[in-house]
């Protein structure tokens, strides 16, 4: 026990020095969890002075701006109230069931829908047939058992969420698109700093990155573990995914929803029913993009938010 505490203390000292800025003592435990996760996954530590990587931007925002109870925005069910008040109910998806346990759902009525959790990452299962019932239950039980998701990786803005499981009707892709597109637009106090679009039905997940001015930057295959591979093929214009009018409408909605957040990603689908809200994200990939990609994305974002690392 003493050895473990000593190792943890020494690691914290090293991580604090590497951060190169003063972090208040009350935030040390949070920073420790975040730094440990980064070290485990990438072999690196957060740095807040002179950095231009998205990983450090995400960590900085989590420590200095989003360390309070953020559940009204991070809880995938609660956030619907905030969205409804901010931009209206028409953008929300249709949810037919909400329960404390997957056993309490009527899975016969959930066929053709997504079963999701409200408190963690990756907690979803598309129930295409009732024959998948037991498989769906097993996966969702696993996610529901993860009741302290926020603290495990230093994502404290998620730790106050009471786990729920719910059934959501899926969306269809527009007729001019082969797959449903999910848009992930990054904001700094309501100002666009990066645009991402995914062909969400493909595996691995092909991700396209654009500047706020709609210029293509890069694309890569995301494995959702920080080990994305940079793609070298010809980059597609942003209008191959959506009309410029539709994108500007989506950005305007995101601006309203993120105006008070130091860093926030507004996620939405472009569907046959128009723009539909997905979620607000404050720590994409837990701030563990691979180092090369982190620098590419971070350099673009810093051009549009040069004072991002200003300590409040």
C-alpha atoms as a PDB file:
ATOM      1  CA  UNK A   1       0.000   0.000   0.000  1.00  0.00           C
ATOM      2  CA  UNK A   2       2.779   2.434   0.954  1.00  0.00           C
ATOM      3  CA  UNK A   3       4.714   1.549  -2.194  1.00  0.00           C
ATOM      4  CA  UNK A   4       1.641   2.167  -4.352  1.00  0.00           C
ATOM      5  CA  UNK A   5       0.975   5.538  -2.719  1.00  0.00           C
ATOM      6  CA  UNK A   6       4.620   6.506  -3.094  1.00  0.00           C
ATOM      7  CA  UNK A   7       4.624   5.589  -6.780  1.00  0.00           C
ATOM      8  CA  UNK A   8       1.420   7.550  -7.289  1.00  0.00           C
ATOM      9  CA  UNK A   9       2.880  10.594  -5.508  1.00  0.00           C
ATOM     10  CA  UNK A  10       6.105  10.483  -7.516  1.00  0.00           C
ATOM     11  CA  UNK A  11       4.144  10.120 -10.740  1.00  0.00           C
ATOM     12  CA  UNK A  12       1.983  13.111  -9.801  1.00  0.00           C
ATOM     13  CA  UNK A  13       5.062  15.247  -9.120  1.00  0.00           C
ATOM     14  CA  UNK A  14       6.508  14.295 -12.507  1.00  0.00           C
ATOM     15  CA  UNK A  15       3.220  15.017 -14.284  1.00  0.00           C
ATOM     16  CA  UNK A  16       2.791  18.384 -12.530  1.00  0.00           C
ATOM     17  CA  UNK A  17       6.283  19.439 -13.578  1.00  0.00           C
ATOM     18  CA  UNK A  18       5.637  18.384 -17.151  1.00  0.00           C
ATOM     19  CA  UNK A  19       2.392  20.382 -17.270  1.00  0.00           C
ATOM     20  CA  UNK A  20       4.585  23.506 -16.846  1.00  0.00           C
ATOM     21  CA  UNK A  21       1.809  25.563 -15.226  1.00  0.00           C
ATOM     22  CA  UNK A  22       0.545  25.754 -11.653  1.00  0.00           C
ATOM     23  CA  UNK A  23      -2.410  23.464 -11.044  1.00  0.00           C
ATOM     24  CA  UNK A  24      -4.346  24.178  -7.824  1.00  0.00           C
ATOM     25  CA  UNK A  25      -3.985  21.505  -5.136  1.00  0.00           C
ATOM     26  CA  UNK A  26      -7.725  20.796  -5.130  1.00  0.00           C
ATOM     27  CA  UNK A  27      -7.390  19.651  -8.770  1.00  0.00           C
ATOM     28  CA  UNK A  28      -4.415  17.348  -8.227  1.00  0.00           C
ATOM     29  CA  UNK A  29      -6.423  14.126  -7.856  1.00  0.00           C
ATOM     30  CA  UNK A  30      -8.341  14.878 -11.033  1.00  0.00           C
ATOM     31  CA  UNK A  31      -5.127  15.708 -12.890  1.00  0.00           C
ATOM     32  CA  UNK A  32      -3.499  12.521 -11.581  1.00  0.00           C
ATOM     33  CA  UNK A  33      -6.259  10.309 -13.025  1.00  0.00           C
ATOM     34  CA  UNK A  34      -6.143  12.140 -16.320  1.00  0.00           C
ATOM     35  CA  UNK A  35      -2.333  11.947 -16.547  1.00  0.00           C
ATOM     36  CA  UNK A  36      -2.296   8.249 -15.615  1.00  0.00           C
ATOM     37  CA  UNK A  37      -4.750   7.438 -18.394  1.00  0.00           C
ATOM     38  CA  UNK A  38      -2.711   9.430 -20.918  1.00  0.00           C
ATOM     39  CA  UNK A  39       0.523   7.739 -19.840  1.00  0.00           C
ATOM     40  CA  UNK A  40      -1.067   4.294 -20.058  1.00  0.00           C
ATOM     41  CA  UNK A  41      -2.547   4.810 -23.509  1.00  0.00           C
ATOM     42  CA  UNK A  42       0.010   7.023 -25.246  1.00  0.00           C
ATOM     43  CA  UNK A  43       3.139   6.985 -23.088  1.00  0.00           C
ATOM     44  CA  UNK A  44       3.019  10.779 -22.765  1.00  0.00           C
ATOM     45  CA  UNK A  45       1.885  13.399 -20.239  1.00  0.00           C
ATOM     46  CA  UNK A  46      -0.232  16.556 -20.533  1.00  0.00           C
ATOM     47  CA  UNK A  47       1.598  19.845 -21.141  1.00  0.00           C
ATOM     48  CA  UNK A  48      -0.192  23.171 -20.876  1.00  0.00           C
ATOM     49  CA  UNK A  49       2.566  25.671 -21.708  1.00  0.00           C
ATOM     50  CA  UNK A  50       3.587  26.001 -25.346  1.00  0.00           C
ATOM     51  CA  UNK A  51       1.427  23.093 -26.484  1.00  0.00           C
ATOM     52  CA  UNK A  52      -0.488  22.949 -29.761  1.00  0.00           C
ATOM     53  CA  UNK A  53      -1.938  19.452 -29.533  1.00  0.00           C
ATOM     54  CA  UNK A  54      -5.634  18.630 -29.191  1.00  0.00           C
ATOM     55  CA  UNK A  55      -4.876  16.150 -26.399  1.00  0.00           C
ATOM     56  CA  UNK A  56      -3.441  18.922 -24.231  1.00  0.00           C
ATOM     57  CA  UNK A  57      -6.318  21.240 -25.157  1.00  0.00           C
ATOM     58  CA  UNK A  58      -8.855  18.644 -24.003  1.00  0.00           C
ATOM     59  CA  UNK A  59      -6.945  17.993 -20.763  1.00  0.00           C
ATOM     60  CA  UNK A  60      -6.516  21.706 -20.018  1.00  0.00           C
ATOM     61  CA  UNK A  61     -10.217  22.372 -20.505  1.00  0.00           C
ATOM     62  CA  UNK A  62     -11.153  19.411 -18.290  1.00  0.00           C
ATOM     63  CA  UNK A  63      -8.894  20.560 -15.439  1.00  0.00           C
ATOM     64  CA  UNK A  64      -9.469  24.308 -15.501  1.00  0.00           C
ATOM     65  CA  UNK A  65     -13.015  24.675 -16.863  1.00  0.00           C
ATOM     66  CA  UNK A  66     -15.067  21.470 -16.684  1.00  0.00           C
ATOM     67  CA  UNK A  67     -14.275  19.885 -13.323  1.00  0.00           C
ATOM     68  CA  UNK A  68     -17.636  20.629 -11.687  1.00  0.00           C
ATOM     69  CA  UNK A  69     -20.896  18.678 -12.005  1.00  0.00           C
ATOM     70  CA  UNK A  70     -21.526  18.732 -15.760  1.00  0.00           C
ATOM     71  CA  UNK A  71     -24.235  16.065 -15.750  1.00  0.00           C
ATOM     72  CA  UNK A  72     -26.940  18.415 -17.135  1.00  0.00           C
ATOM     73  CA  UNK A  73     -24.845  18.429 -20.330  1.00  0.00           C
ATOM     74  CA  UNK A  74     -22.956  15.111 -20.267  1.00  0.00           C
ATOM     75  CA  UNK A  75     -25.893  12.874 -19.329  1.00  0.00           C
ATOM     76  CA  UNK A  76     -27.316  11.829 -22.728  1.00  0.00           C
ATOM     77  CA  UNK A  77     -30.841  11.994 -21.332  1.00  0.00           C
ATOM     78  CA  UNK A  78     -30.620  15.132 -19.181  1.00  0.00           C
ATOM     79  CA  UNK A  79     -28.940  17.115 -21.958  1.00  0.00           C
ATOM     80  CA  UNK A  80     -32.144  16.852 -23.980  1.00  0.00           C
ATOM     81  CA  UNK A  81     -33.751  19.374 -21.608  1.00  0.00           C
ATOM     82  CA  UNK A  82     -30.905  21.824 -22.228  1.00  0.00           C
ATOM     83  CA  UNK A  83     -31.120  21.325 -26.005  1.00  0.00           C
ATOM     84  CA  UNK A  84     -34.904  21.745 -25.996  1.00  0.00           C
ATOM     85  CA  UNK A  85     -34.636  25.049 -24.109  1.00  0.00           C
ATOM     86  CA  UNK A  86     -31.761  26.292 -26.249  1.00  0.00           C
ATOM     87  CA  UNK A  87     -32.718  25.346 -29.831  1.00  0.00           C
ATOM     88  CA  UNK A  88     -36.074  23.539 -29.585  1.00  0.00           C
ATOM     89  CA  UNK A  89     -37.467  19.993 -29.485  1.00  0.00           C
ATOM     90  CA  UNK A  90     -37.640  19.302 -33.233  1.00  0.00           C
ATOM     91  CA  UNK A  91     -33.917  18.480 -33.319  1.00  0.00           C
ATOM     92  CA  UNK A  92     -34.246  15.724 -30.697  1.00  0.00           C
ATOM     93  CA  UNK A  93     -34.422  12.005 -31.454  1.00  0.00           C
ATOM     94  CA  UNK A  94     -37.394   9.812 -30.517  1.00  0.00           C
ATOM     95  CA  UNK A  95     -36.892   7.837 -27.292  1.00  0.00           C
ATOM     96  CA  UNK A  96     -39.518   5.185 -26.562  1.00  0.00           C
ATOM     97  CA  UNK A  97     -38.255   3.568 -23.342  1.00  0.00           C
ATOM     98  CA  UNK A  98     -36.040   4.517 -20.371  1.00  0.00           C
ATOM     99  CA  UNK A  99     -35.145   2.115 -17.551  1.00  0.00           C
ATOM    100  CA  UNK A 100     -32.730   1.533 -14.673  1.00  0.00           C
ATOM    101  CA  UNK A 101     -31.911  -1.978 -15.920  1.00  0.00           C
ATOM    102  CA  UNK A 102     -31.843  -3.569 -19.351  1.00  0.00           C
ATOM    103  CA  UNK A 103     -34.123  -6.306 -17.947  1.00  0.00           C
ATOM    104  CA  UNK A 104     -36.834  -3.662 -17.506  1.00  0.00           C
ATOM    105  CA  UNK A 105     -36.936  -2.842 -21.229  1.00  0.00           C
ATOM    106  CA  UNK A 106     -39.502  -4.423 -23.534  1.00  0.00           C
ATOM    107  CA  UNK A 107     -37.050  -5.687 -26.142  1.00  0.00           C
ATOM    108  CA  UNK A 108     -39.843  -6.988 -28.371  1.00  0.00           C
ATOM    109  CA  UNK A 109     -40.762  -3.345 -28.973  1.00  0.00           C
ATOM    110  CA  UNK A 110     -37.102  -2.325 -29.326  1.00  0.00           C
ATOM    111  CA  UNK A 111     -36.397  -4.343 -32.484  1.00  0.00           C
ATOM    112  CA  UNK A 112     -35.070  -2.046 -35.185  1.00  0.00           C
ATOM    113  CA  UNK A 113     -33.904   0.515 -32.623  1.00  0.00           C
ATOM    114  CA  UNK A 114     -30.737   1.347 -30.728  1.00  0.00           C
ATOM    115  CA  UNK A 115     -30.383   0.425 -27.075  1.00  0.00           C
ATOM    116  CA  UNK A 116     -28.107   2.952 -25.377  1.00  0.00           C
ATOM    117  CA  UNK A 117     -26.690   4.015 -22.024  1.00  0.00           C
ATOM    118  CA  UNK A 118     -26.646   7.628 -20.867  1.00  0.00           C
ATOM    119  CA  UNK A 119     -23.467   7.744 -18.812  1.00  0.00           C
ATOM    120  CA  UNK A 120     -20.486   6.289 -20.657  1.00  0.00           C
ATOM    121  CA  UNK A 121     -18.821   5.877 -24.056  1.00  0.00           C
ATOM    122  CA  UNK A 122     -19.704   3.141 -26.518  1.00  0.00           C
ATOM    123  CA  UNK A 123     -22.810   2.014 -24.644  1.00  0.00           C
ATOM    124  CA  UNK A 124     -25.067   1.133 -27.564  1.00  0.00           C
ATOM    125  CA  UNK A 125     -26.427  -1.884 -29.407  1.00  0.00           C
ATOM    126  CA  UNK A 126     -28.538  -1.927 -32.561  1.00  0.00           C
ATOM    127  CA  UNK A 127     -31.186  -4.598 -32.059  1.00  0.00           C
ATOM    128  CA  UNK A 128     -31.908  -5.706 -35.621  1.00  0.00           C
ATOM    129  CA  UNK A 129     -33.758  -8.902 -34.636  1.00  0.00           C
ATOM    130  CA  UNK A 130     -35.238 -10.337 -31.448  1.00  0.00           C
ATOM    131  CA  UNK A 131     -32.788 -13.252 -31.805  1.00  0.00           C
ATOM    132  CA  UNK A 132     -30.087 -10.776 -30.656  1.00  0.00           C
ATOM    133  CA  UNK A 133     -31.880 -10.202 -27.351  1.00  0.00           C
ATOM    134  CA  UNK A 134     -29.427 -12.038 -25.100  1.00  0.00           C
ATOM    135  CA  UNK A 135     -26.408 -10.514 -26.865  1.00  0.00           C
ATOM    136  CA  UNK A 136     -27.896  -7.057 -26.371  1.00  0.00           C
ATOM    137  CA  UNK A 137     -28.611  -7.712 -22.694  1.00  0.00           C
ATOM    138  CA  UNK A 138     -25.081  -8.923 -22.036  1.00  0.00           C
ATOM    139  CA  UNK A 139     -23.450  -5.903 -23.661  1.00  0.00           C
ATOM    140  CA  UNK A 140     -25.715  -3.375 -21.963  1.00  0.00           C
ATOM    141  CA  UNK A 141     -25.301  -5.072 -18.556  1.00  0.00           C
ATOM    142  CA  UNK A 142     -21.554  -4.676 -18.963  1.00  0.00           C
ATOM    143  CA  UNK A 143     -21.931  -0.964 -19.602  1.00  0.00           C
ATOM    144  CA  UNK A 144     -24.444  -0.509 -16.786  1.00  0.00           C
ATOM    145  CA  UNK A 145     -21.999  -2.097 -14.324  1.00  0.00           C
ATOM    146  CA  UNK A 146     -19.515   0.659 -15.139  1.00  0.00           C
ATOM    147  CA  UNK A 147     -21.067   3.091 -12.648  1.00  0.00           C
ATOM    148  CA  UNK A 148     -17.991   5.244 -12.015  1.00  0.00           C
ATOM    149  CA  UNK A 149     -17.032   5.848 -15.634  1.00  0.00           C
ATOM    150  CA  UNK A 150     -16.058   9.491 -15.127  1.00  0.00           C
ATOM    151  CA  UNK A 151     -13.406   8.987 -12.453  1.00  0.00           C
ATOM    152  CA  UNK A 152     -11.629   6.043 -14.062  1.00  0.00           C
ATOM    153  CA  UNK A 153      -9.982   8.065 -16.817  1.00  0.00           C
ATOM    154  CA  UNK A 154     -10.069  11.546 -15.333  1.00  0.00           C
ATOM    155  CA  UNK A 155     -13.298  12.490 -17.127  1.00  0.00           C
ATOM    156  CA  UNK A 156     -14.826  14.016 -14.008  1.00  0.00           C
ATOM    157  CA  UNK A 157     -17.578  15.814 -15.919  1.00  0.00           C
ATOM    158  CA  UNK A 158     -19.213  12.380 -16.313  1.00  0.00           C
ATOM    159  CA  UNK A 159     -18.944  11.053 -12.767  1.00  0.00           C
ATOM    160  CA  UNK A 160     -22.242  12.461 -11.420  1.00  0.00           C
ATOM    161  CA  UNK A 161     -24.445  10.667 -13.940  1.00  0.00           C
ATOM    162  CA  UNK A 162     -26.897   8.041 -12.663  1.00  0.00           C
ATOM    163  CA  UNK A 163     -26.744   5.166 -15.215  1.00  0.00           C
ATOM    164  CA  UNK A 164     -29.861   4.577 -17.305  1.00  0.00           C
ATOM    165  CA  UNK A 165     -30.591   2.484 -20.368  1.00  0.00           C
ATOM    166  CA  UNK A 166     -32.925   3.662 -23.110  1.00  0.00           C
ATOM    167  CA  UNK A 167     -34.314   2.832 -26.563  1.00  0.00           C
ATOM    168  CA  UNK A 168     -33.846   5.290 -29.427  1.00  0.00           C
ATOM    169  CA  UNK A 169     -35.295   5.169 -32.928  1.00  0.00           C
ATOM    170  CA  UNK A 170     -32.560   5.213 -35.621  1.00  0.00           C
ATOM    171  CA  UNK A 171     -32.228   7.798 -38.374  1.00  0.00           C
ATOM    172  CA  UNK A 172     -31.930   7.276 -42.119  1.00  0.00           C
ATOM    173  CA  UNK A 173     -29.319   8.803 -44.410  1.00  0.00           C
ATOM    174  CA  UNK A 174     -30.362  11.422 -46.931  1.00  0.00           C
ATOM    175  CA  UNK A 175     -31.106  10.052 -50.393  1.00  0.00           C
ATOM    176  CA  UNK A 176     -27.977  11.668 -51.864  1.00  0.00           C
ATOM    177  CA  UNK A 177     -25.688   9.988 -49.262  1.00  0.00           C
ATOM    178  CA  UNK A 178     -24.710   6.319 -49.211  1.00  0.00           C
ATOM    179  CA  UNK A 179     -24.350   6.281 -45.406  1.00  0.00           C
ATOM    180  CA  UNK A 180     -25.691   8.271 -42.491  1.00  0.00           C
ATOM    181  CA  UNK A 181     -23.308  11.118 -41.644  1.00  0.00           C
ATOM    182  CA  UNK A 182     -22.538  12.142 -38.104  1.00  0.00           C
ATOM    183  CA  UNK A 183     -21.095  15.629 -37.727  1.00  0.00           C
ATOM    184  CA  UNK A 184     -18.815  16.501 -34.823  1.00  0.00           C
ATOM    185  CA  UNK A 185     -18.135  20.221 -34.677  1.00  0.00           C
ATOM    186  CA  UNK A 186     -15.632  21.572 -32.145  1.00  0.00           C
ATOM    187  CA  UNK A 187     -16.339  24.911 -30.460  1.00  0.00           C
ATOM    188  CA  UNK A 188     -14.529  27.321 -28.148  1.00  0.00           C
ATOM    189  CA  UNK A 189     -17.129  29.507 -26.427  1.00  0.00           C
ATOM    190  CA  UNK A 190     -19.466  29.115 -29.407  1.00  0.00           C
ATOM    191  CA  UNK A 191     -16.792  29.748 -32.038  1.00  0.00           C
ATOM    192  CA  UNK A 192     -16.092  26.963 -34.531  1.00  0.00           C
ATOM    193  CA  UNK A 193     -12.498  25.719 -34.334  1.00  0.00           C
ATOM    194  CA  UNK A 194     -12.701  22.379 -36.207  1.00  0.00           C
ATOM    195  CA  UNK A 195     -15.205  20.331 -38.204  1.00  0.00           C
ATOM    196  CA  UNK A 196     -15.324  16.530 -38.322  1.00  0.00           C
ATOM    197  CA  UNK A 197     -17.656  14.251 -40.270  1.00  0.00           C
ATOM    198  CA  UNK A 198     -17.882  10.474 -40.033  1.00  0.00           C
ATOM    199  CA  UNK A 199     -19.393   7.801 -42.236  1.00  0.00           C
ATOM    200  CA  UNK A 200     -20.855   6.310 -39.084  1.00  0.00           C
ATOM    201  CA  UNK A 201     -21.917   2.975 -40.551  1.00  0.00           C
ATOM    202  CA  UNK A 202     -18.440   2.073 -41.820  1.00  0.00           C
ATOM    203  CA  UNK A 203     -15.919  -0.036 -39.942  1.00  0.00           C
ATOM    204  CA  UNK A 204     -13.283   1.127 -39.313  1.00  0.00           C
ATOM    205  CA  UNK A 205     -14.724   4.596 -38.845  1.00  0.00           C
ATOM    206  CA  UNK A 206     -13.621   6.872 -41.719  1.00  0.00           C
ATOM    207  CA  UNK A 207     -13.210  10.405 -40.379  1.00  0.00           C
ATOM    208  CA  UNK A 208     -12.892  13.581 -42.453  1.00  0.00           C
ATOM    209  CA  UNK A 209     -11.475  16.781 -40.900  1.00  0.00           C
ATOM    210  CA  UNK A 210     -12.122  20.331 -42.139  1.00  0.00           C
ATOM    211  CA  UNK A 211     -11.223  23.837 -41.039  1.00  0.00           C
ATOM    212  CA  UNK A 212     -13.899  26.309 -39.887  1.00  0.00           C
ATOM    213  CA  UNK A 213     -13.586  27.786 -43.389  1.00  0.00           C
ATOM    214  CA  UNK A 214     -14.524  24.349 -44.831  1.00  0.00           C
ATOM    215  CA  UNK A 215     -11.049  23.580 -46.223  1.00  0.00           C
ATOM    216  CA  UNK A 216     -10.094  19.873 -46.035  1.00  0.00           C
ATOM    217  CA  UNK A 217      -7.253  19.138 -43.600  1.00  0.00           C
ATOM    218  CA  UNK A 218      -6.917  15.353 -43.360  1.00  0.00           C
ATOM    219  CA  UNK A 219      -8.858  12.127 -43.016  1.00  0.00           C
ATOM    220  CA  UNK A 220      -8.134   9.007 -41.051  1.00  0.00           C
ATOM    221  CA  UNK A 221      -9.538   5.741 -39.779  1.00  0.00           C
ATOM    222  CA  UNK A 222     -10.501   6.067 -36.131  1.00  0.00           C
ATOM    223  CA  UNK A 223     -10.424   2.989 -33.916  1.00  0.00           C
ATOM    224  CA  UNK A 224     -11.662   4.994 -30.911  1.00  0.00           C
ATOM    225  CA  UNK A 225      -8.531   4.152 -28.916  1.00  0.00           C
ATOM    226  CA  UNK A 226      -6.250   6.975 -29.970  1.00  0.00           C
ATOM    227  CA  UNK A 227      -4.566   4.796 -32.613  1.00  0.00           C
ATOM    228  CA  UNK A 228      -5.994   6.483 -35.709  1.00  0.00           C
ATOM    229  CA  UNK A 229      -4.144   5.997 -38.995  1.00  0.00           C
ATOM    230  CA  UNK A 230      -3.608   9.001 -41.243  1.00  0.00           C
ATOM    231  CA  UNK A 231      -5.153   8.495 -44.670  1.00  0.00           C
ATOM    232  CA  UNK A 232      -3.178   9.793 -47.669  1.00  0.00           C
ATOM    233  CA  UNK A 233      -5.818   9.560 -50.387  1.00  0.00           C
ATOM    234  CA  UNK A 234      -7.309  12.626 -52.078  1.00  0.00           C
ATOM    235  CA  UNK A 235      -9.350  14.709 -49.640  1.00  0.00           C
ATOM    236  CA  UNK A 236     -13.016  15.262 -50.432  1.00  0.00           C
ATOM    237  CA  UNK A 237     -14.660  18.712 -50.464  1.00  0.00           C
ATOM    238  CA  UNK A 238     -16.959  19.282 -47.515  1.00  0.00           C
ATOM    239  CA  UNK A 239     -19.922  19.749 -49.864  1.00  0.00           C
ATOM    240  CA  UNK A 240     -19.633  16.076 -50.856  1.00  0.00           C
ATOM    241  CA  UNK A 241     -21.149  15.308 -47.429  1.00  0.00           C
ATOM    242  CA  UNK A 242     -23.694  18.093 -47.009  1.00  0.00           C
ATOM    243  CA  UNK A 243     -24.939  21.262 -48.670  1.00  0.00           C
ATOM    244  CA  UNK A 244     -23.243  24.451 -47.553  1.00  0.00           C
ATOM    245  CA  UNK A 245     -26.617  25.771 -46.398  1.00  0.00           C
ATOM    246  CA  UNK A 246     -27.207  22.651 -44.307  1.00  0.00           C
ATOM    247  CA  UNK A 247     -23.758  22.863 -42.733  1.00  0.00           C
ATOM    248  CA  UNK A 248     -24.169  26.534 -41.861  1.00  0.00           C
ATOM    249  CA  UNK A 249     -27.501  25.712 -40.229  1.00  0.00           C
ATOM    250  CA  UNK A 250     -25.853  22.945 -38.177  1.00  0.00           C
ATOM    251  CA  UNK A 251     -23.027  25.258 -37.106  1.00  0.00           C
ATOM    252  CA  UNK A 252     -25.529  27.941 -36.052  1.00  0.00           C
ATOM    253  CA  UNK A 253     -27.299  25.416 -33.820  1.00  0.00           C
ATOM    254  CA  UNK A 254     -23.981  24.316 -32.336  1.00  0.00           C
ATOM    255  CA  UNK A 255     -22.957  27.922 -31.649  1.00  0.00           C
ATOM    256  CA  UNK A 256     -26.031  28.437 -29.482  1.00  0.00           C
ATOM    257  CA  UNK A 257     -25.517  25.210 -27.533  1.00  0.00           C
ATOM    258  CA  UNK A 258     -21.799  25.713 -26.851  1.00  0.00           C
ATOM    259  CA  UNK A 259     -21.620  29.472 -26.228  1.00  0.00           C
ATOM    260  CA  UNK A 260     -20.827  29.065 -22.503  1.00  0.00           C
ATOM    261  CA  UNK A 261     -18.320  26.217 -22.767  1.00  0.00           C
ATOM    262  CA  UNK A 262     -14.560  26.648 -23.001  1.00  0.00           C
ATOM    263  CA  UNK A 263     -14.357  23.505 -25.143  1.00  0.00           C
ATOM    264  CA  UNK A 264     -17.248  21.451 -26.442  1.00  0.00           C
ATOM    265  CA  UNK A 265     -18.001  19.222 -29.412  1.00  0.00           C
ATOM    266  CA  UNK A 266     -21.536  19.427 -30.804  1.00  0.00           C
ATOM    267  CA  UNK A 267     -22.546  16.106 -32.394  1.00  0.00           C
ATOM    268  CA  UNK A 268     -25.447  15.847 -34.825  1.00  0.00           C
ATOM    269  CA  UNK A 269     -26.789  13.682 -37.661  1.00  0.00           C
ATOM    270  CA  UNK A 270     -27.736  14.847 -41.142  1.00  0.00           C
ATOM    271  CA  UNK A 271     -30.871  12.786 -41.805  1.00  0.00           C
ATOM    272  CA  UNK A 272     -33.942  12.461 -44.001  1.00  0.00           C
ATOM    273  CA  UNK A 273     -35.757  14.344 -41.231  1.00  0.00           C
ATOM    274  CA  UNK A 274     -33.236  17.168 -41.167  1.00  0.00           C
ATOM    275  CA  UNK A 275     -30.580  17.869 -38.537  1.00  0.00           C
ATOM    276  CA  UNK A 276     -30.900  15.720 -35.418  1.00  0.00           C
ATOM    277  CA  UNK A 277     -28.946  16.183 -32.189  1.00  0.00           C
ATOM    278  CA  UNK A 278     -26.705  13.380 -30.893  1.00  0.00           C
ATOM    279  CA  UNK A 279     -24.770  14.633 -27.847  1.00  0.00           C
ATOM    280  CA  UNK A 280     -22.395  17.204 -26.389  1.00  0.00           C
ATOM    281  CA  UNK A 281     -18.885  15.852 -25.897  1.00  0.00           C
ATOM    282  CA  UNK A 282     -16.224  17.421 -23.669  1.00  0.00           C
ATOM    283  CA  UNK A 283     -13.454  14.798 -23.783  1.00  0.00           C
ATOM    284  CA  UNK A 284     -13.430  13.111 -27.207  1.00  0.00           C
ATOM    285  CA  UNK A 285     -11.411   9.862 -27.169  1.00  0.00           C
ATOM    286  CA  UNK A 286     -10.523  10.771 -23.546  1.00  0.00           C
ATOM    287  CA  UNK A 287      -8.002  13.243 -24.961  1.00  0.00           C
ATOM    288  CA  UNK A 288      -5.895  10.380 -26.335  1.00  0.00           C
ATOM    289  CA  UNK A 289      -5.624  10.919 -30.086  1.00  0.00           C
ATOM    290  CA  UNK A 290      -2.360   9.544 -31.431  1.00  0.00           C
ATOM    291  CA  UNK A 291       0.417  12.116 -31.120  1.00  0.00           C
ATOM    292  CA  UNK A 292       0.774  12.869 -34.841  1.00  0.00           C
ATOM    293  CA  UNK A 293      -2.943  13.412 -35.279  1.00  0.00           C
ATOM    294  CA  UNK A 294      -3.145  15.407 -32.041  1.00  0.00           C
ATOM    295  CA  UNK A 295      -0.656  17.909 -33.433  1.00  0.00           C
ATOM    296  CA  UNK A 296      -2.428  18.172 -36.806  1.00  0.00           C
ATOM    297  CA  UNK A 297      -5.807  18.841 -35.216  1.00  0.00           C
ATOM    298  CA  UNK A 298      -4.437  21.034 -32.436  1.00  0.00           C
ATOM    299  CA  UNK A 299      -2.512  23.344 -34.762  1.00  0.00           C
ATOM    300  CA  UNK A 300      -5.672  24.017 -36.748  1.00  0.00           C
ATOM    301  CA  UNK A 301      -7.753  24.623 -33.623  1.00  0.00           C
ATOM    302  CA  UNK A 302      -5.202  26.959 -32.054  1.00  0.00           C
ATOM    303  CA  UNK A 303      -5.355  29.224 -35.115  1.00  0.00           C
ATOM    304  CA  UNK A 304      -8.961  29.957 -34.229  1.00  0.00           C
ATOM    305  CA  UNK A 305      -8.527  29.969 -30.423  1.00  0.00           C
ATOM    306  CA  UNK A 306      -5.038  31.458 -29.757  1.00  0.00           C
ATOM    307  CA  UNK A 307      -5.847  32.146 -26.087  1.00  0.00           C
ATOM    308  CA  UNK A 308      -7.148  28.645 -25.401  1.00  0.00           C
ATOM    309  CA  UNK A 309      -4.501  27.923 -22.740  1.00  0.00           C
ATOM    310  CA  UNK A 310      -5.143  31.113 -20.763  1.00  0.00           C
ATOM    311  CA  UNK A 311      -5.619  30.092 -17.137  1.00  0.00           C
ATOM    312  CA  UNK A 312      -8.844  31.521 -15.666  1.00  0.00           C
END
